[in-house]
Amino acid sequence: MDTRRLLPYAPLALALMVAAVLQAVHVARAPTISADGITFIAIARDLPAGVSETFHKYDQHPGYPALLLAATRVVQGLGYRADPESWAVGGIVVSFICGLGCVAVVWLLARELFDARVANVAAAAFAVLPLPVWSAGDAQSDTSHLMLYLTAAWLASAGVLTGRLPALAGAGAASALAYWVRPEGLEVCLIVLPCLVWQSFRVHWSWRRLSLACATVAGAALIVAAPYPILAGKLTSKQLPFAKSQPVNTFIALQAAATNPQPALPAPPSTVAPDTQPAATVASSDLPVTPAAAPAGPELPPAKPRYSVSLFARLLGKAFSAFINSICQGFKFVFIPLYLIGQVVWTRRRHEGMHIALLALLGATHFVVLMAVYVLSGYIAHRHVLPMVGLAMPVTAVGLIAVGEAAARKLSAPPRIAVGLLLAVCCAVVVPFSVRAMNREFLPVIAATQWVQQRAAAGSGIVCNSPYVEFYGKLPVAYLNGEITSFAAALATAPVDAQYDYVVMHVNAHDYRPEWLEELAPRYRQVRMFPDPYSVERPKKVLVFEAKEGHVRRPVPGSRS
């Protein structure tokens, strides 16, 4: 075998090794998976019981949970059967492999757009970026989606100029597979179609050739993507609150209602709630303790949303600010100037106009999608910009090479050395962030869960606002979250006939509400506090409460407690 033929791939192999090491360090330092990973594991657990039912039940698309289920079966088949740890390992294995695949596809995309030199720099820079490393070392869907999304973009860039049908079919299929993981995966297919029309007018394709090219992309995407909406009965409900099985208010609706407060009604006569009785009257464990009924009186009508141009402008301004913050984190600031320089250099090469248009339209489409996500849901996560970061890496490499060569001319140094040194400096700046320990803020929740687990009597349950309590514990759970916002509602949806003698409250975590502590005060007393020294935003802590007297049980009509 002639090993010289493999030499052009040596820089890619080095980039893959660097990515593997950084991802492994991240996995070793992270004490647990992210909260979204727990949701994906729940979907994967439900898939064997009924595919269509699972598709209907969850908002998340099933592509990543299906891969997670397959990987977990392999992990368990190899002898590691710990629950839930084996499921977490299965999810990480999928993300880890896809993370390496992303580095390879960035290299392929850059080589297709430019040449092997640009591809080597792009792959090396992408391999060390913190966001891709963090995502590849966690049980989340973003890395598998990114790999398929970038694969579709690479194949599209290879087929849109020439109309090659195999490349276009691969682009449509890869875009549809990305849709199985996240709905925005279809962006590539939707953008390729107008690009093909544009290209046909530029180079005077025949109508037959244009029709065949468009039909190939659309047909491949339709064949691969169709089973999900057919079985699920929806194109997607992710980030679309009005399309969910139990519709919830959108972020813009809540903001619009907040600008139109209703006049306060007179307070009803004061009544004594059952919770204000002496403890001795509710101490018997033979009697169910139910939440206090609200005093009778006139109810305040819900506020009607008041939409206005100023409201839309304000939300779009906040959305743009959140996007800028996320994209800066995606590039870790260092590579942003290099991308801008690379875009200027690339734009001057007029013969590459179609490739520029393809990537620009993909980026613009994803930007619009993220603006809509913020308006509907009120946030843009850093990981949401990963497709834009991946698409931008070839252009960033062009900018880095241009800056390196300019420095080489000033210093009379070899261009190759100058470019290599600049790349090494940029990588050295971002690597400390890539190996930073993640998800440590959930350690106090896990410690609190284990503490309760060791002390709880048979039949006990836990009221909590964290998915980690059920994931790492074995007791029934009553959830408080963004949709179940009261103690009474949490008990109403909890497993029946359990004694909810404990509360684990992650203070200042996502969806936390301070009024929950006031609701718990009549029935529970605080028995432990687990500080959270790892939180970087609001100060967090985990409080453990125990029922003061008797048991707090979800009552069932006609049943005995």
Protein backbone atom coordinates (compact mmCIF):
# COMPACT_ATOMS: atom_id res chain seq x y z
CA MET A 1 0.00 0.00 0.00
CA ASP A 2 1.33 3.42 -0.98
CA THR A 3 1.14 5.47 2.23
CA ARG A 4 1.97 8.64 0.32
CA ARG A 5 -1.60 8.69 -0.93
CA LEU A 6 -2.73 9.15 2.66
CA LEU A 7 -0.50 12.15 3.38
CA PRO A 8 -3.09 14.74 2.24
CA TYR A 9 -5.42 13.40 4.93
CA ALA A 10 -2.87 13.67 7.75
CA PRO A 11 -4.04 17.16 8.86
CA LEU A 12 -7.62 15.88 9.00
CA ALA A 13 -6.51 12.90 11.10
CA LEU A 14 -4.71 15.28 13.46
CA ALA A 15 -7.81 17.47 13.77
CA LEU A 16 -9.91 14.38 14.54
CA MET A 17 -7.42 13.31 17.24
CA VAL A 18 -7.53 16.76 18.84
CA ALA A 19 -11.33 16.76 18.77
CA ALA A 20 -11.46 13.27 20.29
CA VAL A 21 -9.13 14.28 23.13
CA LEU A 22 -11.07 17.46 23.94
CA GLN A 23 -14.40 15.65 23.81
CA ALA A 24 -13.06 12.90 26.06
CA VAL A 25 -11.82 15.49 28.57
CA HIS A 26 -15.25 17.10 28.56
CA VAL A 27 -16.96 13.75 29.17
CA ALA A 28 -14.53 12.92 32.00
CA ARG A 29 -15.03 16.28 33.73
CA ALA A 30 -18.82 16.52 33.40
CA PRO A 31 -20.48 14.81 36.40
CA THR A 32 -23.79 14.27 34.56
CA ILE A 33 -25.60 14.95 31.33
CA SER A 34 -27.70 18.04 30.64
CA ALA A 35 -31.39 18.25 31.48
CA ASP A 36 -32.40 17.93 27.82
CA GLY A 37 -30.53 14.65 27.71
CA ILE A 38 -32.92 13.26 30.33
CA THR A 39 -35.83 14.14 28.05
CA PHE A 40 -34.22 12.35 25.10
CA ILE A 41 -33.63 9.28 27.26
CA ALA A 42 -37.31 9.28 28.26
CA ILE A 43 -38.26 9.33 24.56
CA ALA A 44 -35.81 6.53 23.80
CA ARG A 45 -37.27 4.41 26.63
CA ASP A 46 -40.78 4.87 25.22
CA LEU A 47 -39.96 4.09 21.58
CA PRO A 48 -40.05 0.27 21.90
CA ALA A 49 -43.53 0.42 23.44
CA GLY A 50 -45.07 2.29 20.51
CA VAL A 51 -43.46 4.38 17.80
CA SER A 52 -46.49 6.37 16.69
CA GLU A 53 -47.65 6.97 20.26
CA THR A 54 -44.21 8.26 21.22
CA PHE A 55 -44.13 10.57 18.20
CA HIS A 56 -47.46 12.05 19.27
CA LYS A 57 -46.49 12.36 22.92
CA TYR A 58 -43.29 14.39 22.64
CA ASP A 59 -42.42 17.68 20.97
CA GLN A 60 -38.82 16.61 20.34
CA HIS A 61 -38.14 14.89 17.03
CA PRO A 62 -37.26 11.17 17.38
CA GLY A 63 -34.09 10.87 15.30
CA TYR A 64 -31.61 11.34 18.12
CA PRO A 65 -33.61 9.25 20.67
CA ALA A 66 -33.65 6.40 18.13
CA LEU A 67 -29.87 6.59 17.80
CA LEU A 68 -29.58 6.83 21.58
CA LEU A 69 -31.73 3.71 22.00
CA ALA A 70 -29.58 1.75 19.55
CA ALA A 71 -26.34 2.88 21.21
CA THR A 72 -27.66 2.04 24.67
CA ARG A 73 -28.62 -1.45 23.56
CA VAL A 74 -25.03 -1.92 22.37
CA VAL A 75 -23.64 -0.56 25.65
CA GLN A 76 -25.90 -2.84 27.66
CA GLY A 77 -25.09 -5.76 25.39
CA LEU A 78 -21.41 -5.25 26.18
CA GLY A 79 -22.18 -5.78 29.87
CA TYR A 80 -22.74 -2.28 31.28
CA ARG A 81 -26.37 -2.31 32.45
CA ALA A 82 -26.42 0.31 35.21
CA ASP A 83 -29.62 2.35 35.13
CA PRO A 84 -29.75 5.26 34.29
CA GLU A 85 -25.99 5.48 33.68
CA SER A 86 -26.03 3.11 30.69
CA TRP A 87 -28.59 5.34 28.96
CA ALA A 88 -26.46 8.41 29.56
CA VAL A 89 -23.43 6.58 28.15
CA GLY A 90 -25.44 5.58 25.07
CA GLY A 91 -26.42 9.20 24.43
CA ILE A 92 -22.84 10.41 24.88
CA VAL A 93 -21.51 7.73 22.50
CA VAL A 94 -23.84 8.98 19.74
CA SER A 95 -22.85 12.61 20.28
CA PHE A 96 -19.16 11.73 20.55
CA ILE A 97 -19.11 9.89 17.23
CA CYS A 98 -21.17 12.58 15.51
CA GLY A 99 -18.82 15.22 16.94
CA LEU A 100 -15.93 13.62 15.09
CA GLY A 101 -18.14 13.34 12.03
CA CYS A 102 -18.78 17.10 12.18
CA VAL A 103 -15.04 17.81 12.01
CA ALA A 104 -14.74 15.54 8.96
CA VAL A 105 -17.71 17.15 7.19
CA VAL A 106 -16.38 20.67 7.85
CA TRP A 107 -13.16 19.51 6.15
CA LEU A 108 -15.11 18.12 3.19
CA LEU A 109 -17.22 21.28 2.88
CA ALA A 110 -14.16 23.54 2.97
CA ARG A 111 -12.35 21.43 0.39
CA GLU A 112 -15.40 21.55 -1.89
CA LEU A 113 -15.65 25.33 -1.59
CA PHE A 114 -11.91 26.06 -1.70
CA ASP A 115 -9.02 23.61 -1.45
CA ALA A 116 -7.28 21.18 0.91
CA ARG A 117 -5.25 23.92 2.61
CA VAL A 118 -8.37 25.83 3.63
CA ALA A 119 -10.00 22.55 4.64
CA ASN A 120 -7.13 21.68 6.98
CA VAL A 121 -7.32 25.05 8.74
CA ALA A 122 -11.13 24.94 8.98
CA ALA A 123 -11.17 21.45 10.49
CA ALA A 124 -8.47 22.31 13.03
CA ALA A 125 -10.24 25.50 14.13
CA PHE A 126 -13.63 23.80 14.39
CA ALA A 127 -12.17 20.89 16.40
CA VAL A 128 -11.18 23.16 19.30
CA LEU A 129 -14.27 25.42 19.51
CA PRO A 130 -15.98 25.08 22.91
CA LEU A 131 -19.61 24.80 21.77
CA PRO A 132 -19.03 21.85 19.40
CA VAL A 133 -16.86 20.13 22.02
CA TRP A 134 -19.44 20.59 24.78
CA SER A 135 -22.27 19.39 22.57
CA ALA A 136 -20.28 16.35 21.40
CA GLY A 137 -19.62 15.33 25.00
CA ASP A 138 -23.25 15.47 26.13
CA ALA A 139 -26.45 13.51 25.51
CA GLN A 140 -28.07 16.15 23.31
CA SER A 141 -29.40 16.11 19.76
CA ASP A 142 -27.50 19.15 18.47
CA THR A 143 -24.33 17.34 17.35
CA SER A 144 -26.11 14.61 15.40
CA HIS A 145 -28.27 17.27 13.76
CA LEU A 146 -25.21 19.37 12.97
CA MET A 147 -23.42 16.47 11.30
CA LEU A 148 -26.41 15.73 9.04
CA TYR A 149 -27.04 19.43 8.37
CA LEU A 150 -23.44 20.05 7.33
CA THR A 151 -23.44 16.87 5.25
CA ALA A 152 -26.48 18.17 3.38
CA ALA A 153 -24.75 21.54 2.86
CA TRP A 154 -21.59 19.84 1.59
CA LEU A 155 -23.48 17.67 -0.90
CA ALA A 156 -25.58 20.64 -1.95
CA SER A 157 -22.48 22.72 -2.63
CA ALA A 158 -21.15 19.85 -4.73
CA GLY A 159 -24.35 19.45 -6.75
CA VAL A 160 -25.82 22.92 -7.13
CA LEU A 161 -23.18 24.15 -9.63
CA THR A 162 -23.20 21.10 -11.88
CA GLY A 163 -26.62 19.59 -11.25
CA ARG A 164 -25.09 16.21 -10.43
CA LEU A 165 -28.01 14.05 -9.42
CA PRO A 166 -26.23 11.75 -6.89
CA ALA A 167 -24.97 14.76 -4.93
CA LEU A 168 -28.40 16.42 -5.04
CA ALA A 169 -30.14 13.22 -3.94
CA GLY A 170 -27.69 12.91 -1.06
CA ALA A 171 -28.30 16.54 -0.07
CA GLY A 172 -32.06 16.01 0.02
CA ALA A 173 -31.77 12.77 2.00
CA ALA A 174 -29.29 14.25 4.48
CA SER A 175 -31.49 17.30 4.98
CA ALA A 176 -34.47 15.04 5.67
CA LEU A 177 -32.44 12.95 8.11
CA ALA A 178 -31.47 16.18 9.89
CA TYR A 179 -35.20 16.99 10.05
CA TRP A 180 -35.75 13.72 11.91
CA VAL A 181 -33.47 15.15 14.60
CA ARG A 182 -34.49 18.82 14.55
CA PRO A 183 -37.09 20.59 12.35
CA GLU A 184 -34.62 23.15 11.00
CA GLY A 185 -32.84 20.32 9.20
CA LEU A 186 -35.12 20.96 6.20
CA GLU A 187 -33.52 24.38 5.71
CA VAL A 188 -30.91 22.93 3.34
CA CYS A 189 -33.46 21.29 1.07
CA LEU A 190 -35.60 24.42 0.94
CA ILE A 191 -32.64 26.65 0.06
CA VAL A 192 -31.14 24.33 -2.56
CA LEU A 193 -34.27 24.51 -4.71
CA PRO A 194 -34.14 28.29 -5.43
CA CYS A 195 -30.37 28.05 -5.82
CA LEU A 196 -30.87 25.44 -8.55
CA VAL A 197 -33.34 27.70 -10.32
CA TRP A 198 -30.90 30.60 -10.11
CA GLN A 199 -28.04 28.46 -11.40
CA SER A 200 -30.14 27.20 -14.30
CA PHE A 201 -30.71 30.77 -15.50
CA ARG A 202 -27.04 31.67 -15.01
CA VAL A 203 -25.67 28.81 -17.13
CA HIS A 204 -28.73 28.21 -19.33
CA TRP A 205 -29.78 24.74 -18.26
CA SER A 206 -32.63 23.13 -20.17
CA TRP A 207 -36.01 22.89 -18.46
CA ARG A 208 -35.64 19.13 -18.39
CA ARG A 209 -32.32 19.33 -16.57
CA LEU A 210 -33.64 21.87 -14.05
CA SER A 211 -36.82 19.88 -13.41
CA LEU A 212 -34.86 16.67 -12.91
CA ALA A 213 -32.43 18.35 -10.50
CA CYS A 214 -35.21 19.92 -8.40
CA ALA A 215 -37.25 16.70 -8.42
CA THR A 216 -34.22 14.73 -7.25
CA VAL A 217 -33.64 16.98 -4.23
CA ALA A 218 -37.30 17.28 -3.29
CA GLY A 219 -38.09 13.62 -3.95
CA ALA A 220 -35.20 12.30 -1.84
CA ALA A 221 -36.13 14.65 1.00
CA LEU A 222 -39.81 13.71 0.81
CA ILE A 223 -39.17 9.97 0.81
CA VAL A 224 -36.88 10.14 3.83
CA ALA A 225 -38.81 12.74 5.83
CA ALA A 226 -42.41 11.65 5.16
CA PRO A 227 -42.70 8.81 7.71
CA TYR A 228 -42.33 11.18 10.66
CA PRO A 229 -45.24 13.56 9.90
CA ILE A 230 -47.37 10.61 8.80
CA LEU A 231 -46.84 8.72 12.06
CA ALA A 232 -46.78 11.81 14.30
CA GLY A 233 -49.68 13.63 12.66
CA LYS A 234 -47.69 16.89 12.61
CA LEU A 235 -44.78 18.47 10.82
CA THR A 236 -43.42 19.62 14.16
CA SER A 237 -44.63 21.03 17.45
CA LYS A 238 -41.15 21.95 18.72
CA GLN A 239 -40.99 25.69 19.48
CA LEU A 240 -44.62 25.98 18.31
CA PRO A 241 -46.71 26.24 21.50
CA PHE A 242 -49.96 26.53 19.53
CA ALA A 243 -49.26 23.20 17.78
CA LYS A 244 -48.72 21.15 20.93
CA SER A 245 -51.19 18.65 22.31
CA GLN A 246 -51.73 20.95 25.29
CA PRO A 247 -51.30 24.49 23.89
CA VAL A 248 -49.42 26.97 26.06
CA ASN A 249 -49.03 30.70 25.78
CA THR A 250 -46.28 31.94 23.53
CA PHE A 251 -43.64 34.28 24.89
CA ILE A 252 -44.97 37.15 22.80
CA ALA A 253 -48.51 36.47 24.06
CA LEU A 254 -47.32 36.65 27.66
CA GLN A 255 -45.48 39.88 26.93
CA ALA A 256 -48.53 41.31 25.19
CA ALA A 257 -50.76 40.40 28.13
CA ALA A 258 -48.29 42.01 30.55
CA THR A 259 -48.69 45.33 28.72
CA ASN A 260 -52.47 45.21 29.24
CA PRO A 261 -53.06 44.62 32.99
CA GLN A 262 -56.62 44.13 34.19
CA PRO A 263 -58.09 46.28 36.97
CA ALA A 264 -57.95 44.64 40.37
CA LEU A 265 -61.20 43.36 41.85
CA PRO A 266 -62.22 43.86 45.51
CA ALA A 267 -60.79 41.23 47.83
CA PRO A 268 -63.30 38.60 49.06
CA PRO A 269 -64.09 38.21 52.76
CA SER A 270 -61.29 36.55 54.69
CA THR A 271 -61.71 32.86 55.33
CA VAL A 272 -59.62 30.39 57.25
CA ALA A 273 -58.06 27.78 55.00
CA PRO A 274 -57.58 24.21 56.24
CA ASP A 275 -53.81 24.77 56.25
CA THR A 276 -54.17 27.30 59.11
CA GLN A 277 -55.56 24.73 61.52
CA PRO A 278 -53.31 23.54 64.35
CA ALA A 279 -50.91 20.79 63.37
CA ALA A 280 -52.55 18.32 65.71
CA THR A 281 -55.76 18.36 63.66
CA VAL A 282 -54.00 17.18 60.49
CA ALA A 283 -51.31 14.97 61.94
CA SER A 284 -52.96 11.61 61.38
CA SER A 285 -51.44 9.59 58.56
CA ASP A 286 -54.84 7.94 58.03
CA LEU A 287 -56.28 11.13 56.58
CA PRO A 288 -55.30 12.64 53.28
CA VAL A 289 -53.96 16.16 53.35
CA THR A 290 -55.09 18.13 50.31
CA PRO A 291 -54.12 21.60 49.17
CA ALA A 292 -56.22 24.44 50.57
CA ALA A 293 -59.10 25.56 48.40
CA ALA A 294 -59.02 29.12 47.18
CA PRO A 295 -61.49 31.47 48.96
CA ALA A 296 -64.71 32.01 47.09
CA GLY A 297 -65.10 35.34 45.40
CA PRO A 298 -65.06 37.06 42.05
CA GLU A 299 -62.36 35.82 39.71
CA LEU A 300 -60.08 38.20 37.86
CA PRO A 301 -60.57 37.79 34.10
CA PRO A 302 -57.44 36.84 32.18
CA ALA A 303 -55.57 39.73 30.66
CA LYS A 304 -56.10 40.11 26.93
CA PRO A 305 -52.91 40.34 24.88
CA ARG A 306 -52.28 43.76 23.39
CA TYR A 307 -50.03 43.47 20.36
CA SER A 308 -48.29 46.50 18.93
CA VAL A 309 -45.46 47.47 16.61
CA SER A 310 -43.40 48.61 19.59
CA LEU A 311 -43.83 45.19 21.24
CA PHE A 312 -42.60 43.38 18.11
CA ALA A 313 -39.72 45.81 17.76
CA ARG A 314 -38.73 45.35 21.40
CA LEU A 315 -38.82 41.55 21.17
CA LEU A 316 -36.89 41.52 17.91
CA GLY A 317 -34.29 43.78 19.50
CA LYS A 318 -33.93 41.37 22.42
CA ALA A 319 -33.83 38.44 20.01
CA PHE A 320 -31.05 40.07 18.02
CA SER A 321 -29.09 40.77 21.21
CA ALA A 322 -29.48 37.13 22.29
CA PHE A 323 -28.37 36.00 18.84
CA ILE A 324 -25.26 38.20 18.89
CA ASN A 325 -24.36 36.84 22.32
CA SER A 326 -24.79 33.26 21.13
CA ILE A 327 -22.88 33.69 17.89
CA CYS A 328 -20.00 35.35 19.75
CA GLN A 329 -19.92 32.37 22.10
CA GLY A 330 -20.08 30.04 19.11
CA PHE A 331 -16.93 31.58 17.62
CA LYS A 332 -15.57 32.30 21.11
CA PHE A 333 -14.94 35.87 19.86
CA VAL A 334 -11.46 35.02 18.55
CA PHE A 335 -12.58 33.78 15.13
CA ILE A 336 -15.16 36.51 14.41
CA PRO A 337 -12.71 39.03 12.88
CA LEU A 338 -11.16 36.24 10.83
CA TYR A 339 -14.58 35.25 9.49
CA LEU A 340 -15.35 38.84 8.48
CA ILE A 341 -12.00 39.16 6.71
CA GLY A 342 -12.53 35.81 5.02
CA GLN A 343 -15.96 36.89 3.80
CA VAL A 344 -14.46 39.98 2.17
CA VAL A 345 -11.69 37.93 0.53
CA TRP A 346 -14.16 35.30 -0.71
CA THR A 347 -16.65 37.82 -2.06
CA ARG A 348 -13.98 39.25 -4.34
CA ARG A 349 -13.77 35.88 -6.11
CA ARG A 350 -16.74 36.44 -8.39
CA HIS A 351 -16.71 32.98 -9.93
CA GLU A 352 -17.77 31.55 -6.54
CA GLY A 353 -20.99 33.57 -6.40
CA MET A 354 -23.32 30.56 -6.25
CA HIS A 355 -21.48 29.03 -3.31
CA ILE A 356 -21.57 32.40 -1.53
CA ALA A 357 -25.31 32.64 -2.21
CA LEU A 358 -25.94 29.11 -0.95
CA LEU A 359 -24.18 29.64 2.38
CA ALA A 360 -25.58 33.18 2.77
CA LEU A 361 -29.15 31.97 2.24
CA LEU A 362 -28.64 29.09 4.68
CA GLY A 363 -27.29 31.48 7.30
CA ALA A 364 -30.06 34.03 6.71
CA THR A 365 -32.76 31.35 6.93
CA HIS A 366 -31.37 30.00 10.17
CA PHE A 367 -31.17 33.55 11.53
CA VAL A 368 -34.86 34.11 10.78
CA VAL A 369 -35.71 30.79 12.44
CA LEU A 370 -33.83 31.82 15.58
CA MET A 371 -35.64 35.16 15.68
CA ALA A 372 -38.94 33.27 15.54
CA VAL A 373 -37.76 30.89 18.26
CA TYR A 374 -37.09 33.84 20.56
CA VAL A 375 -40.45 35.48 19.84
CA LEU A 376 -42.30 32.22 20.53
CA SER A 377 -40.20 30.81 23.38
CA GLY A 378 -38.27 33.73 24.86
CA TYR A 379 -34.72 32.42 24.45
CA ILE A 380 -31.95 31.46 22.05
CA ALA A 381 -29.52 28.87 23.38
CA HIS A 382 -25.88 29.08 22.38
CA ARG A 383 -26.06 25.61 20.84
CA HIS A 384 -28.76 26.81 18.42
CA VAL A 385 -26.15 28.70 16.38
CA LEU A 386 -24.00 25.61 15.75
CA PRO A 387 -25.18 25.21 12.11
CA MET A 388 -24.13 28.80 11.38
CA VAL A 389 -20.75 28.25 13.04
CA GLY A 390 -20.14 25.07 11.03
CA LEU A 391 -21.08 26.76 7.76
CA ALA A 392 -18.81 29.70 8.57
CA MET A 393 -15.65 27.73 9.33
CA PRO A 394 -14.42 27.44 5.70
CA VAL A 395 -14.71 31.23 5.29
CA THR A 396 -13.04 31.73 8.67
CA ALA A 397 -10.14 29.60 7.48
CA VAL A 398 -9.84 31.81 4.39
CA GLY A 399 -9.61 34.86 6.66
CA LEU A 400 -7.03 33.22 8.90
CA ILE A 401 -4.87 32.30 5.92
CA ALA A 402 -5.18 35.81 4.51
CA VAL A 403 -4.13 37.40 7.82
CA GLY A 404 -1.28 34.91 8.24
CA GLU A 405 0.03 35.56 4.75
CA ALA A 406 -0.19 39.32 5.24
CA ALA A 407 1.81 39.00 8.47
CA ALA A 408 4.35 36.81 6.68
CA ARG A 409 4.90 39.52 4.06
CA LYS A 410 5.39 42.16 6.75
CA LEU A 411 7.81 40.01 8.71
CA SER A 412 9.50 38.41 5.72
CA ALA A 413 8.63 35.00 7.13
CA PRO A 414 7.47 31.84 5.31
CA PRO A 415 3.66 32.09 4.83
CA ARG A 416 3.14 28.50 5.91
CA ILE A 417 4.86 29.15 9.24
CA ALA A 418 2.96 32.39 9.84
CA VAL A 419 -0.41 30.78 9.13
CA GLY A 420 0.43 27.82 11.39
CA LEU A 421 1.49 30.09 14.25
CA LEU A 422 -1.67 32.21 13.95
CA LEU A 423 -3.83 29.08 13.97
CA ALA A 424 -1.96 27.74 17.01
CA VAL A 425 -2.43 31.01 18.91
CA CYS A 426 -6.17 31.11 18.17
CA CYS A 427 -6.58 27.49 19.22
CA ALA A 428 -4.57 28.04 22.41
CA VAL A 429 -6.87 30.91 23.37
CA VAL A 430 -10.09 28.88 23.12
CA VAL A 431 -8.94 25.44 24.35
CA PRO A 432 -9.18 26.36 28.08
CA PHE A 433 -12.88 27.05 27.53
CA SER A 434 -13.33 23.78 25.64
CA VAL A 435 -12.12 21.67 28.57
CA ARG A 436 -14.13 23.54 31.20
CA ALA A 437 -16.24 21.27 33.41
CA MET A 438 -19.95 21.48 32.56
CA ASN A 439 -23.21 20.51 34.30
CA ARG A 440 -21.69 20.78 37.78
CA GLU A 441 -24.61 22.93 38.93
CA PHE A 442 -26.72 19.76 39.05
CA LEU A 443 -24.49 18.02 41.59
CA PRO A 444 -26.37 19.51 44.60
CA VAL A 445 -29.66 18.19 43.17
CA ILE A 446 -28.19 14.71 42.82
CA ALA A 447 -26.78 14.89 46.38
CA ALA A 448 -30.17 16.01 47.73
CA THR A 449 -31.92 13.19 45.87
CA GLN A 450 -29.56 10.61 47.34
CA TRP A 451 -30.01 12.08 50.84
CA VAL A 452 -33.81 11.78 50.58
CA GLN A 453 -33.56 8.32 49.04
CA GLN A 454 -31.62 7.06 52.05
CA ARG A 455 -34.13 8.40 54.59
CA ALA A 456 -37.52 8.10 52.93
CA ALA A 457 -39.90 5.45 54.18
CA ALA A 458 -41.66 3.03 51.87
CA GLY A 459 -44.39 4.74 49.86
CA SER A 460 -42.82 8.18 50.06
CA GLY A 461 -42.67 10.56 47.12
CA ILE A 462 -40.89 13.80 46.28
CA VAL A 463 -42.18 17.15 45.10
CA CYS A 464 -39.46 18.78 43.00
CA ASN A 465 -38.65 21.19 40.19
CA SER A 466 -35.74 19.25 38.69
CA PRO A 467 -35.78 16.25 36.31
CA TYR A 468 -32.61 14.94 37.96
CA VAL A 469 -34.61 13.88 41.03
CA GLU A 470 -36.58 11.25 39.11
CA PHE A 471 -33.65 10.38 36.83
CA TYR A 472 -31.30 9.47 39.68
CA GLY A 473 -33.92 8.49 42.27
CA LYS A 474 -36.45 5.70 42.58
CA LEU A 475 -39.31 7.49 44.36
CA PRO A 476 -42.51 8.83 42.73
CA VAL A 477 -42.20 12.47 41.73
CA ALA A 478 -44.62 15.40 41.60
CA TYR A 479 -43.22 18.07 39.28
CA LEU A 480 -43.27 21.83 39.57
CA ASN A 481 -42.21 23.51 36.33
CA GLY A 482 -43.09 26.16 33.78
CA GLU A 483 -46.45 24.53 32.99
CA ILE A 484 -47.31 23.02 36.40
CA THR A 485 -46.90 26.13 38.52
CA SER A 486 -48.63 25.30 41.80
CA PHE A 487 -48.33 22.70 44.53
CA ALA A 488 -51.93 21.56 43.99
CA ALA A 489 -51.37 21.09 40.24
CA ALA A 490 -48.18 19.13 40.88
CA LEU A 491 -50.00 16.69 43.17
CA ALA A 492 -52.89 16.40 40.72
CA THR A 493 -50.59 15.12 37.98
CA ALA A 494 -48.33 12.99 40.20
CA PRO A 495 -48.45 9.18 40.62
CA VAL A 496 -51.49 8.18 42.67
CA ASP A 497 -51.54 7.31 46.37
CA ALA A 498 -47.95 8.19 47.21
CA GLN A 499 -46.96 10.06 50.38
CA TYR A 500 -45.21 13.22 49.18
CA ASP A 501 -43.33 13.74 52.41
CA TYR A 502 -40.29 15.45 50.85
CA VAL A 503 -39.62 18.44 48.63
CA VAL A 504 -36.38 19.01 46.71
CA MET A 505 -36.31 22.60 45.48
CA HIS A 506 -33.57 23.88 43.15
CA VAL A 507 -33.76 27.58 43.96
CA ASN A 508 -33.21 29.95 41.00
CA ALA A 509 -33.00 27.10 38.50
CA HIS A 510 -34.86 27.21 35.18
CA ASP A 511 -38.61 27.93 35.63
CA TYR A 512 -38.17 28.37 39.41
CA ARG A 513 -40.83 30.53 41.13
CA PRO A 514 -40.23 32.09 44.57
CA GLU A 515 -43.91 31.72 45.51
CA TRP A 516 -43.45 27.94 45.64
CA LEU A 517 -41.65 28.28 48.97
CA GLU A 518 -44.63 30.18 50.36
CA GLU A 519 -47.01 27.46 49.20
CA LEU A 520 -44.92 24.78 50.89
CA ALA A 521 -44.49 26.60 54.20
CA PRO A 522 -47.75 25.45 55.88
CA ARG A 523 -46.99 21.74 55.39
CA TYR A 524 -43.21 21.40 55.19
CA ARG A 525 -40.17 22.43 57.16
CA GLN A 526 -36.67 22.80 55.75
CA VAL A 527 -34.32 20.05 56.90
CA ARG A 528 -31.27 20.39 54.64
CA MET A 529 -29.57 22.81 52.28
CA PHE A 530 -27.09 21.83 49.59
CA PRO A 531 -25.20 24.91 48.35
CA ASP A 532 -24.43 25.35 44.68
CA PRO A 533 -20.96 26.89 44.25
CA TYR A 534 -20.99 26.22 40.51
CA SER A 535 -23.76 28.55 39.33
CA VAL A 536 -22.51 31.39 37.14
CA GLU A 537 -25.67 33.50 36.92
CA ARG A 538 -28.12 33.87 39.79
CA PRO A 539 -26.98 32.29 43.08
CA LYS A 540 -28.48 28.83 43.36
CA LYS A 541 -28.97 26.31 46.12
CA VAL A 542 -30.97 23.14 46.71
CA LEU A 543 -33.35 23.04 49.67
CA VAL A 544 -34.82 19.83 51.09
CA PHE A 545 -38.12 19.98 52.97
CA GLU A 546 -39.93 17.34 55.03
CA ALA A 547 -43.63 17.15 55.89
CA LYS A 548 -44.28 18.68 59.29
CA GLU A 549 -46.97 16.29 60.48
CA GLY A 550 -48.46 13.20 58.92
CA HIS A 551 -48.20 12.72 55.15
CA VAL A 552 -48.98 14.83 52.14
CA ARG A 553 -50.74 12.40 49.86
CA ARG A 554 -52.43 12.72 46.53
CA PRO A 555 -56.04 11.74 47.32
CA VAL A 556 -58.02 9.50 44.99
CA PRO A 557 -61.84 9.64 45.14
CA GLY A 558 -63.21 6.37 46.45
CA SER A 559 -59.81 5.03 47.52
CA ARG A 560 -58.27 4.64 50.94
CA SER A 561 -55.07 6.48 51.80
